[in-house]
């Protein structure tokens, strides 16, 4: 199972690996010193790979200090040092879902339209069903008929039930009915889809607060997770979105979608360094089961390969 997981992640990171990992590898030549030119080229490569300024500077300074203090030499495996520094930058970035010890675990999914939010809900449903858990979907995006219908189609494909109202209905009413159904049916996980919104849409942001209150009244501690879906292909713009949503609601984790379609996978590091919000899941394909829980060590190994040779 672990091998399959790593294999799928490695395949999903093909574009990022060709830009970031291969770009770093190309800096190395036998006997090359860790001089100013090398560090400048490394810094540029990492920043262009969307690793982020803070993490990049930390890695560069670490190499500079360790080379100066002769902890590493030109003959040492510098790539392994960089990989370890990246793993250190991601320390604490991978945290599993917090499950409700008693009753249904409620997970709210938020984000702007176009990020793959509704598909993320379906993929999470499939993931948890495959783990043997019972899942119920709540179609609280009542503003767009397409979103409601899309989630209903996914529910049939995945094989889970869905609670939905008519288009334009009160999202809070949907959340209320879904929470009651989850309790009555002894459901393990209630996944709540919400309307795509921007931080400037105050009415929609208020709806998030309303949905949270409704859920909390029906199920103690709900929502137990609020996952923000970000489109990995947008690179640094994803961080801007995350900052905006964090200011409006209590985001507990990131679902990074479309990781397979971008060379900007380094954004995972930037998100951790800039925001401190853990990346809990990544989407790595088009199928319902193309989602994996995020693991920092496995991510870096899949990106650069387990071996450290650079020759």
Protein backbone atom coordinates (compact mmCIF):
# COMPACT_ATOMS: atom_id res chain seq x y z
CA UNK A 1 0.00 0.00 0.00
CA UNK A 2 2.81 2.40 0.91
CA UNK A 3 4.64 1.58 -2.34
CA UNK A 4 1.48 2.25 -4.36
CA UNK A 5 0.99 5.56 -2.53
CA UNK A 6 4.57 6.69 -3.24
CA UNK A 7 4.36 5.52 -6.84
CA UNK A 8 1.23 7.56 -7.49
CA UNK A 9 2.67 10.61 -5.79
CA UNK A 10 5.89 10.31 -7.80
CA UNK A 11 3.90 10.15 -11.03
CA UNK A 12 1.78 13.12 -9.99
CA UNK A 13 4.87 15.23 -9.35
CA UNK A 14 6.34 14.70 -12.83
CA UNK A 15 5.99 18.34 -13.92
CA UNK A 16 7.33 19.76 -10.66
CA UNK A 17 10.21 17.31 -10.69
CA UNK A 18 11.22 18.31 -14.23
CA UNK A 19 11.37 21.98 -13.21
CA UNK A 20 12.42 22.04 -9.56
CA UNK A 21 14.25 18.80 -8.76
CA UNK A 22 15.95 18.46 -12.13
CA UNK A 23 16.77 22.16 -12.01
CA UNK A 24 18.57 21.66 -8.71
CA UNK A 25 20.34 18.56 -9.98
CA UNK A 26 21.59 20.44 -13.02
CA UNK A 27 23.47 22.87 -10.76
CA UNK A 28 25.83 20.13 -9.64
CA UNK A 29 29.08 19.33 -11.35
CA UNK A 30 31.79 17.08 -9.98
CA UNK A 31 34.04 19.08 -7.69
CA UNK A 32 31.89 22.22 -7.85
CA UNK A 33 32.31 24.49 -4.84
CA UNK A 34 29.55 26.04 -2.80
CA UNK A 35 30.56 29.52 -3.91
CA UNK A 36 28.54 32.69 -4.42
CA UNK A 37 27.59 31.78 -7.97
CA UNK A 38 26.37 28.33 -6.99
CA UNK A 39 24.28 29.72 -4.12
CA UNK A 40 22.82 32.40 -6.36
CA UNK A 41 21.82 29.83 -8.97
CA UNK A 42 20.36 27.56 -6.30
CA UNK A 43 18.34 30.41 -4.81
CA UNK A 44 16.95 31.33 -8.22
CA UNK A 45 16.03 27.71 -8.98
CA UNK A 46 14.19 27.22 -5.68
CA UNK A 47 12.28 30.49 -5.96
CA UNK A 48 11.27 29.76 -9.57
CA UNK A 49 10.06 26.39 -8.29
CA UNK A 50 7.69 28.28 -5.93
CA UNK A 51 9.43 27.01 -2.81
CA UNK A 52 9.09 30.53 -1.44
CA UNK A 53 11.54 33.21 -0.34
CA UNK A 54 11.68 32.29 3.36
CA UNK A 55 12.39 28.58 2.87
CA UNK A 56 14.84 29.31 0.05
CA UNK A 57 16.87 31.74 2.13
CA UNK A 58 16.98 29.30 5.02
CA UNK A 59 18.32 26.52 2.78
CA UNK A 60 20.88 28.76 1.12
CA UNK A 61 22.13 30.13 4.44
CA UNK A 62 22.38 26.63 5.86
CA UNK A 63 24.51 25.46 2.95
CA UNK A 64 26.69 28.55 3.17
CA UNK A 65 27.28 28.13 6.92
CA UNK A 66 27.92 24.40 6.77
CA UNK A 67 30.32 24.76 3.87
CA UNK A 68 32.17 27.59 5.63
CA UNK A 69 32.45 25.51 8.80
CA UNK A 70 33.62 22.54 6.71
CA UNK A 71 30.67 20.41 7.74
CA UNK A 72 30.27 19.69 4.05
CA UNK A 73 32.72 19.79 1.19
CA UNK A 74 32.44 19.96 -2.58
CA UNK A 75 32.67 16.18 -2.67
CA UNK A 76 29.82 15.64 -0.27
CA UNK A 77 26.30 14.87 -1.43
CA UNK A 78 24.92 18.40 -1.47
CA UNK A 79 21.60 17.26 -2.92
CA UNK A 80 20.96 15.13 0.15
CA UNK A 81 21.62 18.18 2.33
CA UNK A 82 19.11 20.20 0.30
CA UNK A 83 16.54 17.42 0.56
CA UNK A 84 16.98 17.24 4.32
CA UNK A 85 16.64 21.00 4.60
CA UNK A 86 13.41 20.88 2.59
CA UNK A 87 12.08 18.13 4.84
CA UNK A 88 12.98 20.24 7.86
CA UNK A 89 11.11 23.19 6.29
CA UNK A 90 8.04 20.94 6.06
CA UNK A 91 8.27 19.69 9.65
CA UNK A 92 4.75 19.67 11.04
CA UNK A 93 3.20 20.33 7.64
CA UNK A 94 1.57 16.91 7.47
CA UNK A 95 -1.12 16.35 10.05
CA UNK A 96 -3.91 13.80 9.73
CA UNK A 97 -7.59 14.55 10.00
CA UNK A 98 -8.81 15.15 13.54
CA UNK A 99 -11.61 12.67 14.10
CA UNK A 100 -14.50 13.18 16.48
CA UNK A 101 -14.09 10.63 19.30
CA UNK A 102 -17.84 10.42 19.68
CA UNK A 103 -20.29 10.78 16.80
CA UNK A 104 -19.82 11.92 13.20
CA UNK A 105 -16.68 13.78 12.18
CA UNK A 106 -17.69 16.91 10.29
CA UNK A 107 -15.38 18.30 7.61
CA UNK A 108 -16.23 21.59 5.92
CA UNK A 109 -14.67 22.24 2.52
CA UNK A 110 -14.17 25.87 1.47
CA UNK A 111 -12.49 27.69 -1.40
CA UNK A 112 -13.10 29.79 -4.49
CA UNK A 113 -14.81 28.52 -7.62
CA UNK A 114 -12.49 26.83 -10.08
CA UNK A 115 -10.07 25.35 -7.55
CA UNK A 116 -11.57 21.88 -7.80
CA UNK A 117 -13.49 22.18 -4.53
CA UNK A 118 -16.48 19.96 -5.34
CA UNK A 119 -14.22 17.33 -6.90
CA UNK A 120 -12.10 17.44 -3.75
CA UNK A 121 -15.19 16.59 -1.69
CA UNK A 122 -15.84 13.56 -3.92
CA UNK A 123 -12.24 12.39 -3.71
CA UNK A 124 -12.23 12.63 0.07
CA UNK A 125 -15.47 10.63 0.14
CA UNK A 126 -13.89 7.93 -2.00
CA UNK A 127 -10.75 7.89 0.15
CA UNK A 128 -12.68 7.41 3.38
CA UNK A 129 -15.05 4.85 1.87
CA UNK A 130 -12.02 2.85 0.76
CA UNK A 131 -10.85 2.98 4.38
CA UNK A 132 -14.10 1.37 5.46
CA UNK A 133 -15.81 4.50 6.81
CA UNK A 134 -19.40 5.56 6.17
CA UNK A 135 -19.70 8.95 4.50
CA UNK A 136 -22.52 11.44 3.93
CA UNK A 137 -22.30 14.51 1.68
CA UNK A 138 -24.00 17.85 2.35
CA UNK A 139 -24.60 20.01 -0.74
CA UNK A 140 -24.45 23.42 0.94
CA UNK A 141 -23.46 25.17 -2.29
CA UNK A 142 -27.05 26.08 -3.17
CA UNK A 143 -26.10 29.15 -5.17
CA UNK A 144 -25.10 27.29 -8.33
CA UNK A 145 -27.25 24.53 -9.80
CA UNK A 146 -24.18 23.11 -11.53
CA UNK A 147 -22.34 22.64 -8.23
CA UNK A 148 -25.26 20.85 -6.63
CA UNK A 149 -25.75 18.55 -9.61
CA UNK A 150 -22.03 17.86 -9.93
CA UNK A 151 -21.85 16.74 -6.30
CA UNK A 152 -24.93 14.55 -6.77
CA UNK A 153 -23.28 12.85 -9.76
CA UNK A 154 -20.11 12.26 -7.75
CA UNK A 155 -22.12 10.83 -4.84
CA UNK A 156 -23.58 8.20 -7.16
CA UNK A 157 -20.15 7.37 -8.59
CA UNK A 158 -18.56 7.03 -5.19
CA UNK A 159 -21.54 5.24 -3.69
CA UNK A 160 -22.45 7.57 -0.82
CA UNK A 161 -25.66 9.38 0.13
CA UNK A 162 -26.15 13.11 -0.25
CA UNK A 163 -28.38 15.66 1.46
CA UNK A 164 -29.46 18.41 -0.93
CA UNK A 165 -32.20 21.03 -1.24
CA UNK A 166 -33.48 23.04 -4.17
CA UNK A 167 -31.25 25.62 -5.85
CA UNK A 168 -31.28 28.87 -3.88
CA UNK A 169 -32.25 27.22 -0.61
CA UNK A 170 -30.75 28.25 2.72
CA UNK A 171 -27.32 26.55 3.05
CA UNK A 172 -27.81 26.49 6.81
CA UNK A 173 -30.98 24.43 6.38
CA UNK A 174 -29.05 21.90 4.29
CA UNK A 175 -26.35 21.73 6.97
CA UNK A 176 -29.02 21.22 9.65
CA UNK A 177 -30.68 18.33 7.81
CA UNK A 178 -27.32 16.75 6.93
CA UNK A 179 -26.07 16.91 10.51
CA UNK A 180 -29.28 15.35 11.85
CA UNK A 181 -29.09 12.60 9.22
CA UNK A 182 -25.45 11.90 10.05
CA UNK A 183 -26.27 11.47 13.73
CA UNK A 184 -29.36 9.37 13.10
CA UNK A 185 -27.56 7.06 10.68
CA UNK A 186 -24.40 6.89 12.82
CA UNK A 187 -22.30 8.15 9.91
CA UNK A 188 -18.52 8.28 10.40
CA UNK A 189 -17.87 11.37 8.28
CA UNK A 190 -20.05 14.24 7.11
CA UNK A 191 -18.39 16.17 4.26
CA UNK A 192 -19.91 19.62 3.80
CA UNK A 193 -19.48 21.31 0.43
CA UNK A 194 -19.86 25.10 0.52
CA UNK A 195 -20.30 27.78 -2.10
CA UNK A 196 -17.17 29.01 -3.85
CA UNK A 197 -16.45 32.52 -2.71
CA UNK A 198 -13.91 35.29 -2.52
CA UNK A 199 -13.01 37.21 0.60
CA UNK A 200 -14.67 40.30 -0.93
CA UNK A 201 -18.06 38.52 -1.05
CA UNK A 202 -19.13 39.37 2.46
CA UNK A 203 -22.56 37.76 2.17
CA UNK A 204 -21.04 34.42 1.22
CA UNK A 205 -18.42 34.67 3.94
CA UNK A 206 -21.22 35.25 6.44
CA UNK A 207 -22.85 32.07 5.19
CA UNK A 208 -19.72 30.14 6.25
CA UNK A 209 -20.17 31.39 9.79
CA UNK A 210 -23.84 30.50 9.72
CA UNK A 211 -23.15 26.96 8.51
CA UNK A 212 -20.52 26.51 11.24
CA UNK A 213 -22.98 27.56 13.94
CA UNK A 214 -25.68 25.23 12.65
CA UNK A 215 -23.29 22.28 12.56
CA UNK A 216 -21.94 23.03 16.05
CA UNK A 217 -25.45 23.03 17.54
CA UNK A 218 -26.20 19.60 16.09
CA UNK A 219 -22.82 17.89 16.61
CA UNK A 220 -20.51 18.93 19.48
CA UNK A 221 -17.18 20.32 18.24
CA UNK A 222 -18.30 20.55 14.62
CA UNK A 223 -16.85 21.31 12.22
CA UNK A 224 -13.87 19.26 13.35
CA UNK A 225 -11.93 20.25 10.25
CA UNK A 226 -12.17 23.14 7.79
CA UNK A 227 -10.23 22.26 4.66
CA UNK A 228 -9.35 24.99 2.17
CA UNK A 229 -9.03 23.74 -1.39
CA UNK A 230 -6.24 25.49 -3.28
CA UNK A 231 -5.33 25.12 -6.95
CA UNK A 232 -1.62 24.22 -7.09
CA UNK A 233 -1.35 25.57 -10.63
CA UNK A 234 -1.83 29.13 -9.33
CA UNK A 235 1.46 29.04 -7.39
CA UNK A 236 1.95 32.03 -5.12
CA UNK A 237 -1.64 33.20 -5.72
CA UNK A 238 -2.73 30.19 -3.68
CA UNK A 239 -1.01 31.70 -0.66
CA UNK A 240 -2.92 34.95 -1.11
CA UNK A 241 -6.20 33.00 -1.15
CA UNK A 242 -5.19 31.08 1.94
CA UNK A 243 -4.39 34.29 3.82
CA UNK A 244 -7.79 35.72 2.89
CA UNK A 245 -9.73 32.65 3.97
CA UNK A 246 -7.78 32.26 7.18
CA UNK A 247 -8.80 35.80 8.10
CA UNK A 248 -12.46 34.94 7.53
CA UNK A 249 -12.71 31.43 8.95
CA UNK A 250 -10.74 28.95 11.02
CA UNK A 251 -8.93 26.96 8.32
CA UNK A 252 -7.39 23.82 9.83
CA UNK A 253 -5.83 22.31 6.72
CA UNK A 254 -5.19 22.53 3.00
CA UNK A 255 -6.36 20.26 0.20
CA UNK A 256 -3.90 21.06 -2.59
CA UNK A 257 -5.65 20.19 -5.83
CA UNK A 258 -4.28 19.74 -9.38
CA UNK A 259 -0.75 19.01 -8.18
CA UNK A 260 -0.25 16.74 -11.19
CA UNK A 261 -0.98 19.56 -13.62
CA UNK A 262 1.66 22.01 -12.50
CA UNK A 263 5.39 22.56 -12.19
CA UNK A 264 4.68 24.63 -9.05
CA UNK A 265 4.56 21.80 -6.51
CA UNK A 266 7.15 23.63 -4.44
CA UNK A 267 4.24 25.77 -3.24
CA UNK A 268 3.75 23.13 -0.53
CA UNK A 269 6.89 24.41 1.19
CA UNK A 270 5.89 28.05 0.78
CA UNK A 271 2.45 27.40 2.29
CA UNK A 272 4.01 25.84 5.38
CA UNK A 273 6.61 28.59 5.81
CA UNK A 274 4.28 31.50 5.13
CA UNK A 275 1.07 30.33 6.76
CA UNK A 276 1.86 27.42 9.04
CA UNK A 277 -1.30 25.66 7.85
CA UNK A 278 -0.76 21.92 7.33
CA UNK A 279 -1.34 20.42 3.90
CA UNK A 280 -3.53 17.42 4.68
CA UNK A 281 -4.33 16.10 1.21
CA UNK A 282 -3.08 16.49 -2.35
CA UNK A 283 -4.93 15.80 -5.59
CA UNK A 284 -2.72 14.04 -8.15
CA UNK A 285 -4.96 13.16 -11.09
CA UNK A 286 -8.41 13.20 -12.65
CA UNK A 287 -9.94 10.05 -11.16
CA UNK A 288 -12.01 9.82 -8.01
CA UNK A 289 -9.25 7.99 -6.16
CA UNK A 290 -6.46 10.33 -7.27
CA UNK A 291 -5.96 11.80 -3.81
CA UNK A 292 -3.39 10.98 -1.15
CA UNK A 293 -2.87 12.15 2.44
CA UNK A 294 0.13 14.47 2.46
CA UNK A 295 3.37 13.13 3.91
CA UNK A 296 6.28 15.59 3.96
CA UNK A 297 9.09 13.04 3.80
CA UNK A 298 7.42 11.04 1.04
CA UNK A 299 6.73 14.26 -0.88
CA UNK A 300 10.41 15.26 -0.96
CA UNK A 301 11.53 11.71 -1.72
CA UNK A 302 9.04 11.50 -4.59
CA UNK A 303 10.18 14.89 -5.84
CA UNK A 304 13.92 14.20 -5.83
CA UNK A 305 14.06 10.43 -5.64
CA UNK A 306 15.26 8.40 -2.69
CA UNK A 307 18.83 8.33 -3.89
CA UNK A 308 21.15 11.26 -3.40
CA UNK A 309 23.44 10.86 -6.37
CA UNK A 310 23.82 13.91 -8.49
CA UNK A 311 26.44 12.79 -10.92
